[in-house]
Amino acid sequence: MTVVVLIAAPEGLRGHLTRWMVEVAPGIFVATLNNRLRERLWQTLATRIGTGQAIMIEPAGNEQRWSTRTAGQDRWTPVDYDGLLLMARPRAQRMKQA
Protein backbone atom coordinates (compact mmCIF):
# COMPACT_ATOMS: atom_id res chain seq x y z
CA MET A 1 0.00 0.00 0.00
CA THR A 2 1.20 3.49 -0.84
CA VAL A 3 0.30 6.62 1.14
CA VAL A 4 0.87 10.17 -0.13
CA VAL A 5 0.49 13.24 2.10
CA LEU A 6 0.26 16.65 0.43
CA ILE A 7 0.56 19.93 2.31
CA ALA A 8 -0.23 23.23 0.56
CA ALA A 9 -0.13 21.54 -2.84
CA PRO A 10 -1.62 22.96 -6.05
CA GLU A 11 -5.22 21.87 -6.74
CA GLY A 12 -4.25 20.42 -10.11
CA LEU A 13 -1.78 18.09 -8.43
CA ARG A 14 -4.41 16.81 -6.03
CA GLY A 15 -6.73 16.24 -8.99
CA HIS A 16 -3.99 14.32 -10.79
CA LEU A 17 -3.53 12.00 -7.80
CA THR A 18 -7.26 11.21 -7.62
CA ARG A 19 -6.93 9.41 -10.96
CA TRP A 20 -4.89 6.67 -9.28
CA MET A 21 -5.47 7.02 -5.54
CA VAL A 22 -8.33 7.52 -3.08
CA GLU A 23 -8.32 10.69 -0.96
CA VAL A 24 -9.29 9.42 2.51
CA ALA A 25 -8.86 12.82 4.19
CA PRO A 26 -7.89 16.24 2.84
CA GLY A 27 -4.40 15.86 1.38
CA ILE A 28 -4.00 12.15 2.29
CA PHE A 29 -4.12 9.66 -0.59
CA VAL A 30 -4.01 5.85 -0.37
CA ALA A 31 -3.69 3.13 -3.04
CA THR A 32 -1.99 -0.09 -4.00
CA LEU A 33 0.30 0.76 -6.93
CA ASN A 34 2.84 -1.15 -8.96
CA ASN A 35 6.47 0.07 -9.00
CA ARG A 36 6.34 1.74 -12.41
CA LEU A 37 3.21 3.76 -11.62
CA ARG A 38 4.55 4.70 -8.19
CA GLU A 39 7.80 6.01 -9.77
CA ARG A 40 5.91 8.07 -12.35
CA LEU A 41 3.59 9.53 -9.72
CA TRP A 42 6.58 10.48 -7.58
CA GLN A 43 8.28 12.21 -10.51
CA THR A 44 5.09 14.19 -11.11
CA LEU A 45 4.79 15.09 -7.42
CA ALA A 46 8.42 16.17 -7.11
CA THR A 47 8.30 18.42 -10.19
CA ARG A 48 4.88 19.99 -9.61
CA ILE A 49 4.79 20.45 -5.82
CA GLY A 50 5.87 24.10 -6.04
CA THR A 51 5.91 25.74 -2.60
CA GLY A 52 4.05 22.84 -0.96
CA GLN A 53 5.26 19.59 0.56
CA ALA A 54 4.85 15.96 -0.44
CA ILE A 55 5.60 12.79 1.50
CA MET A 56 5.27 9.32 0.00
CA ILE A 57 5.31 6.20 2.17
CA GLU A 58 5.80 3.04 0.13
CA PRO A 59 6.49 -0.67 0.62
CA ALA A 60 10.16 -1.66 0.95
CA GLY A 61 12.21 -4.74 1.72
CA ASN A 62 13.68 -3.46 4.99
CA GLU A 63 12.95 -4.27 8.64
CA GLN A 64 10.14 -1.71 8.87
CA ARG A 65 8.73 -2.90 5.52
CA TRP A 66 8.28 0.70 4.29
CA SER A 67 10.34 3.66 3.11
CA THR A 68 9.71 7.38 2.80
CA ARG A 69 10.37 10.06 0.18
CA THR A 70 9.97 13.79 0.69
CA ALA A 71 9.82 16.77 -1.67
CA GLY A 72 9.12 20.47 -1.40
CA GLN A 73 9.88 23.28 0.99
CA ASP A 74 10.32 22.75 4.76
CA ARG A 75 11.42 19.23 4.03
CA TRP A 76 11.34 16.63 6.72
CA THR A 77 14.19 14.34 5.79
CA PRO A 78 14.36 10.58 6.27
CA VAL A 79 17.31 9.57 8.48
CA ASP A 80 18.63 6.04 9.02
CA TYR A 81 19.12 5.35 12.72
CA ASP A 82 20.54 1.86 13.34
CA GLY A 83 18.44 0.38 10.55
CA LEU A 84 15.24 2.23 11.44
CA LEU A 85 13.94 5.04 9.27
CA LEU A 86 13.10 8.18 11.28
CA MET A 87 11.98 11.60 10.06
CA ALA A 88 14.17 14.57 11.02
CA ARG A 89 12.26 17.80 11.45
CA PRO A 90 13.99 20.92 10.10
CA ARG A 91 15.17 23.37 12.75
CA ALA A 92 13.91 26.93 12.66
CA GLN A 93 17.51 28.21 12.52
CA ARG A 94 18.30 26.12 9.44
CA MET A 95 15.10 27.27 7.75
CA LYS A 96 16.00 30.95 8.33
CA GLN A 97 19.49 30.41 6.91
CA ALA A 98 18.11 28.73 3.78
PDB file of N, CA and C in Angstrom:
ATOM      1  N   MET A   1       0.841  -1.173   0.000  1.00  0.00           N
ATOM      2  CA  MET A   1       0.000   0.000   0.000  1.00  0.00           C
ATOM      3  C   MET A   1       0.888   1.238   0.000  1.00  0.00           C
ATOM      4  N   THR A   2       0.474   2.229  -0.742  1.00  0.00           N
ATOM      5  CA  THR A   2       1.199   3.489  -0.843  1.00  0.00           C
ATOM      6  C   THR A   2       0.354   4.605  -0.260  1.00  0.00           C
ATOM      7  N   VAL A   3       0.981   5.467   0.541  1.00  0.00           N
ATOM      8  CA  VAL A   3       0.304   6.616   1.140  1.00  0.00           C
ATOM      9  C   VAL A   3       1.045   7.869   0.699  1.00  0.00           C
ATOM     10  N   VAL A   4       0.301   8.885   0.251  1.00  0.00           N
ATOM     11  CA  VAL A   4       0.871  10.172  -0.126  1.00  0.00           C
ATOM     12  C   VAL A   4       0.197  11.246   0.718  1.00  0.00           C
ATOM     13  N   VAL A   5       1.005  12.111   1.315  1.00  0.00           N
ATOM     14  CA  VAL A   5       0.492  13.241   2.096  1.00  0.00           C
ATOM     15  C   VAL A   5       0.937  14.517   1.392  1.00  0.00           C
ATOM     16  N   LEU A   6      -0.027  15.370   1.065  1.00  0.00           N
ATOM     17  CA  LEU A   6       0.263  16.651   0.426  1.00  0.00           C
ATOM     18  C   LEU A   6      -0.095  17.779   1.374  1.00  0.00           C
ATOM     19  N   ILE A   7       0.795  18.752   1.476  1.00  0.00           N
ATOM     20  CA  ILE A   7       0.562  19.930   2.308  1.00  0.00           C
ATOM     21  C   ILE A   7       0.748  21.151   1.425  1.00  0.00           C
ATOM     22  N   ALA A   8      -0.260  22.002   1.354  1.00  0.00           N
ATOM     23  CA  ALA A   8      -0.229  23.232   0.561  1.00  0.00           C
ATOM     24  C   ALA A   8       0.147  22.961  -0.893  1.00  0.00           C
ATOM     25  N   ALA A   9      -0.429  21.922  -1.457  1.00  0.00           N
ATOM     26  CA  ALA A   9      -0.130  21.539  -2.840  1.00  0.00           C
ATOM     27  C   ALA A   9      -1.107  22.209  -3.801  1.00  0.00           C
ATOM     28  N   PRO A  10      -0.709  22.398  -5.055  1.00  0.00           N
ATOM     29  CA  PRO A  10      -1.618  22.958  -6.045  1.00  0.00           C
ATOM     30  C   PRO A  10      -2.831  22.044  -6.269  1.00  0.00           C
ATOM     31  N   GLU A  11      -3.987  22.648  -6.530  1.00  0.00           N
ATOM     32  CA  GLU A  11      -5.215  21.873  -6.735  1.00  0.00           C
ATOM     33  C   GLU A  11      -5.081  20.887  -7.894  1.00  0.00           C
ATOM     34  N   GLY A  12      -4.416  21.299  -8.956  1.00  0.00           N
ATOM     35  CA  GLY A  12      -4.249  20.418 -10.105  1.00  0.00           C
ATOM     36  C   GLY A  12      -3.499  19.148  -9.770  1.00  0.00           C
ATOM     37  N   LEU A  13      -2.547  19.257  -8.846  1.00  0.00           N
ATOM     38  CA  LEU A  13      -1.779  18.091  -8.425  1.00  0.00           C
ATOM     39  C   LEU A  13      -2.651  17.124  -7.641  1.00  0.00           C
ATOM     40  N   ARG A  14      -3.484  17.661  -6.779  1.00  0.00           N
ATOM     41  CA  ARG A  14      -4.413  16.808  -6.029  1.00  0.00           C
ATOM     42  C   ARG A  14      -5.370  16.113  -6.982  1.00  0.00           C
ATOM     43  N   GLY A  15      -5.844  16.833  -7.999  1.00  0.00           N
ATOM     44  CA  GLY A  15      -6.727  16.236  -8.986  1.00  0.00           C
ATOM     45  C   GLY A  15      -6.037  15.138  -9.768  1.00  0.00           C
ATOM     46  N   HIS A  16      -4.748  15.336 -10.076  1.00  0.00           N
ATOM     47  CA  HIS A  16      -3.986  14.318 -10.792  1.00  0.00           C
ATOM     48  C   HIS A  16      -3.875  13.041  -9.962  1.00  0.00           C
ATOM     49  N   LEU A  17      -3.659  13.180  -8.667  1.00  0.00           N
ATOM     50  CA  LEU A  17      -3.533  12.000  -7.801  1.00  0.00           C
ATOM     51  C   LEU A  17      -4.841  11.224  -7.682  1.00  0.00           C
ATOM     52  N   THR A  18      -5.985  11.905  -7.768  1.00  0.00           N
ATOM     53  CA  THR A  18      -7.260  11.209  -7.616  1.00  0.00           C
ATOM     54  C   THR A  18      -7.554  10.276  -8.788  1.00  0.00           C
ATOM     55  N   ARG A  19      -6.784  10.375  -9.861  1.00  0.00           N
ATOM     56  CA  ARG A  19      -6.931   9.408 -10.955  1.00  0.00           C
ATOM     57  C   ARG A  19      -6.490   8.020 -10.528  1.00  0.00           C
ATOM     58  N   TRP A  20      -5.499   7.946  -9.634  1.00  0.00           N
ATOM     59  CA  TRP A  20      -4.885   6.674  -9.275  1.00  0.00           C
ATOM     60  C   TRP A  20      -5.076   6.286  -7.816  1.00  0.00           C
ATOM     61  N   MET A  21      -5.408   7.272  -6.977  1.00  0.00           N
ATOM     62  CA  MET A  21      -5.472   7.021  -5.543  1.00  0.00           C
ATOM     63  C   MET A  21      -6.792   7.544  -4.975  1.00  0.00           C
ATOM     64  N   VAL A  22      -7.129   7.083  -3.769  1.00  0.00           N
ATOM     65  CA  VAL A  22      -8.332   7.524  -3.075  1.00  0.00           C
ATOM     66  C   VAL A  22      -7.919   8.531  -2.008  1.00  0.00           C
ATOM     67  N   GLU A  23      -8.608   9.674  -1.973  1.00  0.00           N
ATOM     68  CA  GLU A  23      -8.324  10.686  -0.960  1.00  0.00           C
ATOM     69  C   GLU A  23      -9.179  10.382   0.265  1.00  0.00           C
ATOM     70  N   VAL A  24      -8.558   9.838   1.317  1.00  0.00           N
ATOM     71  CA  VAL A  24      -9.290   9.421   2.514  1.00  0.00           C
ATOM     72  C   VAL A  24      -9.519  10.561   3.493  1.00  0.00           C
ATOM     73  N   ALA A  25      -8.711  11.597   3.402  1.00  0.00           N
ATOM     74  CA  ALA A  25      -8.856  12.823   4.194  1.00  0.00           C
ATOM     75  C   ALA A  25      -8.203  13.917   3.357  1.00  0.00           C
ATOM     76  N   PRO A  26      -8.493  15.181   3.648  1.00  0.00           N
ATOM     77  CA  PRO A  26      -7.891  16.243   2.842  1.00  0.00           C
ATOM     78  C   PRO A  26      -6.367  16.151   2.784  1.00  0.00           C
ATOM     79  N   GLY A  27      -5.838  15.929   1.581  1.00  0.00           N
ATOM     80  CA  GLY A  27      -4.403  15.858   1.383  1.00  0.00           C
ATOM     81  C   GLY A  27      -3.761  14.513   1.649  1.00  0.00           C
ATOM     82  N   ILE A  28      -4.541  13.490   2.011  1.00  0.00           N
ATOM     83  CA  ILE A  28      -4.003  12.155   2.289  1.00  0.00           C
ATOM     84  C   ILE A  28      -4.592  11.175   1.281  1.00  0.00           C
ATOM     85  N   PHE A  29      -3.708  10.563   0.479  1.00  0.00           N
ATOM     86  CA  PHE A  29      -4.121   9.659  -0.587  1.00  0.00           C
ATOM     87  C   PHE A  29      -3.577   8.265  -0.315  1.00  0.00           C
ATOM     88  N   VAL A  30      -4.383   7.232  -0.630  1.00  0.00           N
ATOM     89  CA  VAL A  30      -4.011   5.846  -0.373  1.00  0.00           C
ATOM     90  C   VAL A  30      -4.331   5.007  -1.599  1.00  0.00           C
ATOM     91  N   ALA A  31      -3.437   4.056  -1.932  1.00  0.00           N
ATOM     92  CA  ALA A  31      -3.694   3.130  -3.036  1.00  0.00           C
ATOM     93  C   ALA A  31      -2.665   2.008  -3.011  1.00  0.00           C
ATOM     94  N   THR A  32      -2.956   0.963  -3.739  1.00  0.00           N
ATOM     95  CA  THR A  32      -1.992  -0.090  -3.999  1.00  0.00           C
ATOM     96  C   THR A  32      -1.529   0.096  -5.430  1.00  0.00           C
ATOM     97  N   LEU A  33      -0.243   0.424  -5.612  1.00  0.00           N
ATOM     98  CA  LEU A  33       0.303   0.759  -6.927  1.00  0.00           C
ATOM     99  C   LEU A  33       1.471  -0.152  -7.269  1.00  0.00           C
ATOM    100  N   ASN A  34       1.655  -0.403  -8.562  1.00  0.00           N
ATOM    101  CA  ASN A  34       2.845  -1.147  -8.956  1.00  0.00           C
ATOM    102  C   ASN A  34       4.042  -0.189  -8.978  1.00  0.00           C
ATOM    103  N   ASN A  35       5.249  -0.745  -9.090  1.00  0.00           N
ATOM    104  CA  ASN A  35       6.474   0.071  -8.999  1.00  0.00           C
ATOM    105  C   ASN A  35       6.561   1.134 -10.079  1.00  0.00           C
ATOM    106  N   ARG A  36       6.217   0.784 -11.305  1.00  0.00           N
ATOM    107  CA  ARG A  36       6.339   1.738 -12.409  1.00  0.00           C
ATOM    108  C   ARG A  36       5.402   2.929 -12.218  1.00  0.00           C
ATOM    109  N   LEU A  37       4.165   2.676 -11.844  1.00  0.00           N
ATOM    110  CA  LEU A  37       3.215   3.761 -11.624  1.00  0.00           C
ATOM    111  C   LEU A  37       3.628   4.617 -10.427  1.00  0.00           C
ATOM    112  N   ARG A  38       4.113   3.958  -9.375  1.00  0.00           N
ATOM    113  CA  ARG A  38       4.552   4.700  -8.189  1.00  0.00           C
ATOM    114  C   ARG A  38       5.714   5.628  -8.540  1.00  0.00           C
ATOM    115  N   GLU A  39       6.673   5.173  -9.354  1.00  0.00           N
ATOM    116  CA  GLU A  39       7.798   6.015  -9.769  1.00  0.00           C
ATOM    117  C   GLU A  39       7.329   7.209 -10.598  1.00  0.00           C
ATOM    118  N   ARG A  40       6.421   6.974 -11.518  1.00  0.00           N
ATOM    119  CA  ARG A  40       5.910   8.073 -12.349  1.00  0.00           C
ATOM    120  C   ARG A  40       5.125   9.086 -11.523  1.00  0.00           C
ATOM    121  N   LEU A  41       4.319   8.606 -10.590  1.00  0.00           N
ATOM    122  CA  LEU A  41       3.589   9.533  -9.723  1.00  0.00           C
ATOM    123  C   LEU A  41       4.554  10.358  -8.879  1.00  0.00           C
ATOM    124  N   TRP A  42       5.619   9.741  -8.386  1.00  0.00           N
ATOM    125  CA  TRP A  42       6.580  10.482  -7.581  1.00  0.00           C
ATOM    126  C   TRP A  42       7.279  11.544  -8.411  1.00  0.00           C
ATOM    127  N   GLN A  43       7.647  11.217  -9.638  1.00  0.00           N
ATOM    128  CA  GLN A  43       8.281  12.205 -10.506  1.00  0.00           C
ATOM    129  C   GLN A  43       7.349  13.396 -10.727  1.00  0.00           C
ATOM    130  N   THR A  44       6.068  13.121 -10.941  1.00  0.00           N
ATOM    131  CA  THR A  44       5.088  14.192 -11.111  1.00  0.00           C
ATOM    132  C   THR A  44       4.972  15.028  -9.840  1.00  0.00           C
ATOM    133  N   LEU A  45       4.889  14.372  -8.699  1.00  0.00           N
ATOM    134  CA  LEU A  45       4.795  15.093  -7.423  1.00  0.00           C
ATOM    135  C   LEU A  45       6.011  15.983  -7.203  1.00  0.00           C
ATOM    136  N   ALA A  46       7.187  15.428  -7.396  1.00  0.00           N
ATOM    137  CA  ALA A  46       8.422  16.168  -7.113  1.00  0.00           C
ATOM    138  C   ALA A  46       8.587  17.388  -8.021  1.00  0.00           C
ATOM    139  N   THR A  47       8.132  17.295  -9.272  1.00  0.00           N
ATOM    140  CA  THR A  47       8.303  18.420 -10.189  1.00  0.00           C
ATOM    141  C   THR A  47       7.196  19.457 -10.078  1.00  0.00           C
ATOM    142  N   ARG A  48       6.000  19.063  -9.631  1.00  0.00           N
ATOM    143  CA  ARG A  48       4.877  19.990  -9.612  1.00  0.00           C
ATOM    144  C   ARG A  48       4.465  20.462  -8.225  1.00  0.00           C
ATOM    145  N   ILE A  49       5.210  20.113  -7.177  1.00  0.00           N
ATOM    146  CA  ILE A  49       4.794  20.448  -5.821  1.00  0.00           C
ATOM    147  C   ILE A  49       4.895  21.942  -5.531  1.00  0.00           C
ATOM    148  N   GLY A  50       5.766  22.655  -6.229  1.00  0.00           N
ATOM    149  CA  GLY A  50       5.872  24.103  -6.036  1.00  0.00           C
ATOM    150  C   GLY A  50       6.320  24.461  -4.639  1.00  0.00           C
ATOM    151  N   THR A  51       5.544  25.312  -3.947  1.00  0.00           N
ATOM    152  CA  THR A  51       5.907  25.740  -2.597  1.00  0.00           C
ATOM    153  C   THR A  51       5.332  24.827  -1.524  1.00  0.00           C
ATOM    154  N   GLY A  52       4.646  23.769  -1.919  1.00  0.00           N
ATOM    155  CA  GLY A  52       4.054  22.842  -0.960  1.00  0.00           C
ATOM    156  C   GLY A  52       5.027  21.760  -0.532  1.00  0.00           C
ATOM    157  N   GLN A  53       4.476  20.725   0.086  1.00  0.00           N
ATOM    158  CA  GLN A  53       5.264  19.590   0.564  1.00  0.00           C
ATOM    159  C   GLN A  53       4.579  18.306   0.152  1.00  0.00           C
ATOM    160  N   ALA A  54       5.379  17.280  -0.118  1.00  0.00           N
ATOM    161  CA  ALA A  54       4.846  15.958  -0.438  1.00  0.00           C
ATOM    162  C   ALA A  54       5.660  14.904   0.287  1.00  0.00           C
ATOM    163  N   ILE A  55       4.966  13.927   0.843  1.00  0.00           N
ATOM    164  CA  ILE A  55       5.603  12.795   1.503  1.00  0.00           C
ATOM    165  C   ILE A  55       4.961  11.532   0.949  1.00  0.00           C
ATOM    166  N   MET A  56       5.786  10.595   0.491  1.00  0.00           N
ATOM    167  CA  MET A  56       5.272   9.317   0.000  1.00  0.00           C
ATOM    168  C   MET A  56       5.828   8.208   0.882  1.00  0.00           C
ATOM    169  N   ILE A  57       4.938   7.363   1.383  1.00  0.00           N
ATOM    170  CA  ILE A  57       5.315   6.201   2.169  1.00  0.00           C
ATOM    171  C   ILE A  57       4.972   4.995   1.314  1.00  0.00           C
ATOM    172  N   GLU A  58       5.969   4.142   1.061  1.00  0.00           N
ATOM    173  CA  GLU A  58       5.799   3.044   0.126  1.00  0.00           C
ATOM    174  C   GLU A  58       6.379   1.754   0.682  1.00  0.00           C
ATOM    175  N   PRO A  59       5.947   0.605   0.162  1.00  0.00           N
ATOM    176  CA  PRO A  59       6.493  -0.674   0.622  1.00  0.00           C
ATOM    177  C   PRO A  59       7.975  -0.789   0.288  1.00  0.00           C
ATOM    178  N   ALA A  60       8.724  -1.456   1.173  1.00  0.00           N
ATOM    179  CA  ALA A  60      10.156  -1.663   0.947  1.00  0.00           C
ATOM    180  C   ALA A  60      10.569  -2.982   1.593  1.00  0.00           C
ATOM    181  N   GLY A  61      11.715  -3.468   1.194  1.00  0.00           N
ATOM    182  CA  GLY A  61      12.211  -4.735   1.718  1.00  0.00           C
ATOM    183  C   GLY A  61      13.149  -4.565   2.901  1.00  0.00           C
ATOM    184  N   ASN A  62      12.840  -3.663   3.807  1.00  0.00           N
ATOM    185  CA  ASN A  62      13.679  -3.462   4.993  1.00  0.00           C
ATOM    186  C   ASN A  62      12.951  -3.979   6.238  1.00  0.00           C
ATOM    187  N   GLU A  63      13.535  -3.763   7.396  1.00  0.00           N
ATOM    188  CA  GLU A  63      12.948  -4.267   8.638  1.00  0.00           C
ATOM    189  C   GLU A  63      11.579  -3.654   8.933  1.00  0.00           C
ATOM    190  N   GLN A  64      11.415  -2.381   8.625  1.00  0.00           N
ATOM    191  CA  GLN A  64      10.138  -1.711   8.868  1.00  0.00           C
ATOM    192  C   GLN A  64       9.111  -2.036   7.797  1.00  0.00           C
ATOM    193  N   ARG A  65       9.558  -2.528   6.662  1.00  0.00           N
ATOM    194  CA  ARG A  65       8.726  -2.904   5.520  1.00  0.00           C
ATOM    195  C   ARG A  65       8.128  -1.703   4.795  1.00  0.00           C
ATOM    196  N   TRP A  66       8.706  -0.497   5.018  1.00  0.00           N
ATOM    197  CA  TRP A  66       8.284   0.701   4.285  1.00  0.00           C
ATOM    198  C   TRP A  66       9.437   1.690   4.217  1.00  0.00           C
ATOM    199  N   SER A  67       9.352   2.584   3.245  1.00  0.00           N
ATOM    200  CA  SER A  67      10.336   3.656   3.114  1.00  0.00           C
ATOM    201  C   SER A  67       9.597   4.957   2.830  1.00  0.00           C
ATOM    202  N   THR A  68      10.319   6.051   2.934  1.00  0.00           N
ATOM    203  CA  THR A  68       9.714   7.375   2.801  1.00  0.00           C
ATOM    204  C   THR A  68      10.494   8.223   1.823  1.00  0.00           C
ATOM    205  N   ARG A  69       9.769   9.047   1.047  1.00  0.00           N
ATOM    206  CA  ARG A  69      10.375  10.057   0.180  1.00  0.00           C
ATOM    207  C   ARG A  69       9.731  11.391   0.520  1.00  0.00           C
ATOM    208  N   THR A  70      10.512  12.458   0.432  1.00  0.00           N
ATOM    209  CA  THR A  70       9.966  13.788   0.693  1.00  0.00           C
ATOM    210  C   THR A  70      10.366  14.744  -0.426  1.00  0.00           C
ATOM    211  N   ALA A  71       9.527  15.733  -0.671  1.00  0.00           N
ATOM    212  CA  ALA A  71       9.816  16.767  -1.671  1.00  0.00           C
ATOM    213  C   ALA A  71       9.155  18.062  -1.235  1.00  0.00           C
ATOM    214  N   GLY A  72       9.728  19.168  -1.678  1.00  0.00           N
ATOM    215  CA  GLY A  72       9.123  20.465  -1.403  1.00  0.00           C
ATOM    216  C   GLY A  72       9.881  21.256  -0.366  1.00  0.00           C
ATOM    217  N   GLN A  73       9.287  22.374   0.015  1.00  0.00           N
ATOM    218  CA  GLN A  73       9.880  23.275   0.990  1.00  0.00           C
ATOM    219  C   GLN A  73       9.657  22.728   2.395  1.00  0.00           C
ATOM    220  N   ASP A  74      10.415  23.219   3.365  1.00  0.00           N
ATOM    221  CA  ASP A  74      10.321  22.753   4.764  1.00  0.00           C
ATOM    222  C   ASP A  74      10.390  21.237   4.836  1.00  0.00           C
ATOM    223  N   ARG A  75      11.357  20.676   4.158  1.00  0.00           N
ATOM    224  CA  ARG A  75      11.422  19.228   4.028  1.00  0.00           C
ATOM    225  C   ARG A  75      11.777  18.531   5.327  1.00  0.00           C
ATOM    226  N   TRP A  76      10.961  17.590   5.707  1.00  0.00           N
ATOM    227  CA  TRP A  76      11.336  16.632   6.723  1.00  0.00           C
ATOM    228  C   TRP A  76      12.183  15.619   5.980  1.00  0.00           C
ATOM    229  N   THR A  77      13.308  15.241   6.511  1.00  0.00           N
ATOM    230  CA  THR A  77      14.193  14.344   5.791  1.00  0.00           C
ATOM    231  C   THR A  77      14.270  12.987   6.479  1.00  0.00           C
ATOM    232  N   PRO A  78      14.206  11.917   5.700  1.00  0.00           N
ATOM    233  CA  PRO A  78      14.364  10.579   6.274  1.00  0.00           C
ATOM    234  C   PRO A  78      15.810  10.364   6.724  1.00  0.00           C
ATOM    235  N   VAL A  79      15.989   9.816   7.923  1.00  0.00           N
ATOM    236  CA  VAL A  79      17.314   9.570   8.481  1.00  0.00           C
ATOM    237  C   VAL A  79      17.370   8.123   8.951  1.00  0.00           C
ATOM    238  N   ASP A  80      18.431   7.414   8.579  1.00  0.00           N
ATOM    239  CA  ASP A  80      18.628   6.040   9.016  1.00  0.00           C
ATOM    240  C   ASP A  80      19.265   6.056  10.402  1.00  0.00           C
ATOM    241  N   TYR A  81      18.611   5.418  11.354  1.00  0.00           N
ATOM    242  CA  TYR A  81      19.117   5.348  12.722  1.00  0.00           C
ATOM    243  C   TYR A  81      19.167   3.881  13.122  1.00  0.00           C
ATOM    244  N   ASP A  82      20.343   3.281  13.018  1.00  0.00           N
ATOM    245  CA  ASP A  82      20.540   1.861  13.338  1.00  0.00           C
ATOM    246  C   ASP A  82      19.544   0.959  12.608  1.00  0.00           C
ATOM    247  N   GLY A  83      19.327   1.224  11.347  1.00  0.00           N
ATOM    248  CA  GLY A  83      18.440   0.379  10.549  1.00  0.00           C
ATOM    249  C   GLY A  83      16.986   0.790  10.565  1.00  0.00           C
ATOM    250  N   LEU A  84      16.618   1.746  11.397  1.00  0.00           N
ATOM    251  CA  LEU A  84      15.244   2.235  11.438  1.00  0.00           C
ATOM    252  C   LEU A  84      15.170   3.581  10.743  1.00  0.00           C
ATOM    253  N   LEU A  85      14.119   3.785   9.981  1.00  0.00           N
ATOM    254  CA  LEU A  85      13.938   5.043   9.273  1.00  0.00           C
ATOM    255  C   LEU A  85      13.145   6.006  10.153  1.00  0.00           C
ATOM    256  N   LEU A  86      13.754   7.139  10.484  1.00  0.00           N
ATOM    257  CA  LEU A  86      13.101   8.175  11.281  1.00  0.00           C
ATOM    258  C   LEU A  86      13.038   9.442  10.447  1.00  0.00           C
ATOM    259  N   MET A  87      12.121  10.335  10.777  1.00  0.00           N
ATOM    260  CA  MET A  87      11.983  11.600  10.057  1.00  0.00           C
ATOM    261  C   MET A  87      12.576  12.718  10.901  1.00  0.00           C
ATOM    262  N   ALA A  88      13.534  13.449  10.326  1.00  0.00           N
ATOM    263  CA  ALA A  88      14.168  14.571  11.017  1.00  0.00           C
ATOM    264  C   ALA A  88      13.424  15.846  10.652  1.00  0.00           C
ATOM    265  N   ARG A  89      12.973  16.541  11.657  1.00  0.00           N
ATOM    266  CA  ARG A  89      12.258  17.799  11.453  1.00  0.00           C
ATOM    267  C   ARG A  89      13.269  18.926  11.270  1.00  0.00           C
ATOM    268  N   PRO A  90      13.039  19.822  10.299  1.00  0.00           N
ATOM    269  CA  PRO A  90      13.991  20.918  10.103  1.00  0.00           C
ATOM    270  C   PRO A  90      13.943  21.900  11.270  1.00  0.00           C
ATOM    271  N   ARG A  91      15.106  22.380  11.680  1.00  0.00           N
ATOM    272  CA  ARG A  91      15.173  23.373  12.746  1.00  0.00           C
ATOM    273  C   ARG A  91      14.804  24.745  12.208  1.00  0.00           C
ATOM    274  N   ALA A  92      14.283  25.577  13.060  1.00  0.00           N
ATOM    275  CA  ALA A  92      13.915  26.935  12.664  1.00  0.00           C
ATOM    276  C   ALA A  92      15.146  27.730  12.235  1.00  0.00           C
ATOM    277  N   GLN A  93      16.286  27.503  12.886  1.00  0.00           N
ATOM    278  CA  GLN A  93      17.514  28.211  12.522  1.00  0.00           C
ATOM    279  C   GLN A  93      17.950  27.850  11.114  1.00  0.00           C
ATOM    280  N   ARG A  94      17.924  26.555  10.788  1.00  0.00           N
ATOM    281  CA  ARG A  94      18.303  26.123   9.444  1.00  0.00           C
ATOM    282  C   ARG A  94      17.372  26.680   8.399  1.00  0.00           C
ATOM    283  N   MET A  95      16.072  26.764   8.710  1.00  0.00           N
ATOM    284  CA  MET A  95      15.103  27.270   7.755  1.00  0.00           C
ATOM    285  C   MET A  95      15.342  28.750   7.490  1.00  0.00           C
ATOM    286  N   LYS A  96      15.725  29.524   8.516  1.00  0.00           N
ATOM    287  CA  LYS A  96      15.999  30.951   8.326  1.00  0.00           C
ATOM    288  C   LYS A  96      17.257  31.157   7.491  1.00  0.00           C
ATOM    289  N   GLN A  97      18.255  30.301   7.680  1.00  0.00           N
ATOM    290  CA  GLN A  97      19.492  30.407   6.907  1.00  0.00           C
ATOM    291  C   GLN A  97      19.283  30.069   5.446  1.00  0.00           C
ATOM    292  N   ALA A  98      18.389  29.139   5.166  1.00  0.00           N
ATOM    293  CA  ALA A  98      18.113  28.727   3.776  1.00  0.00           C
ATOM    294  C   ALA A  98      17.257  29.744   3.106  1.00  0.00           C
TER     295      ALA A  98
END
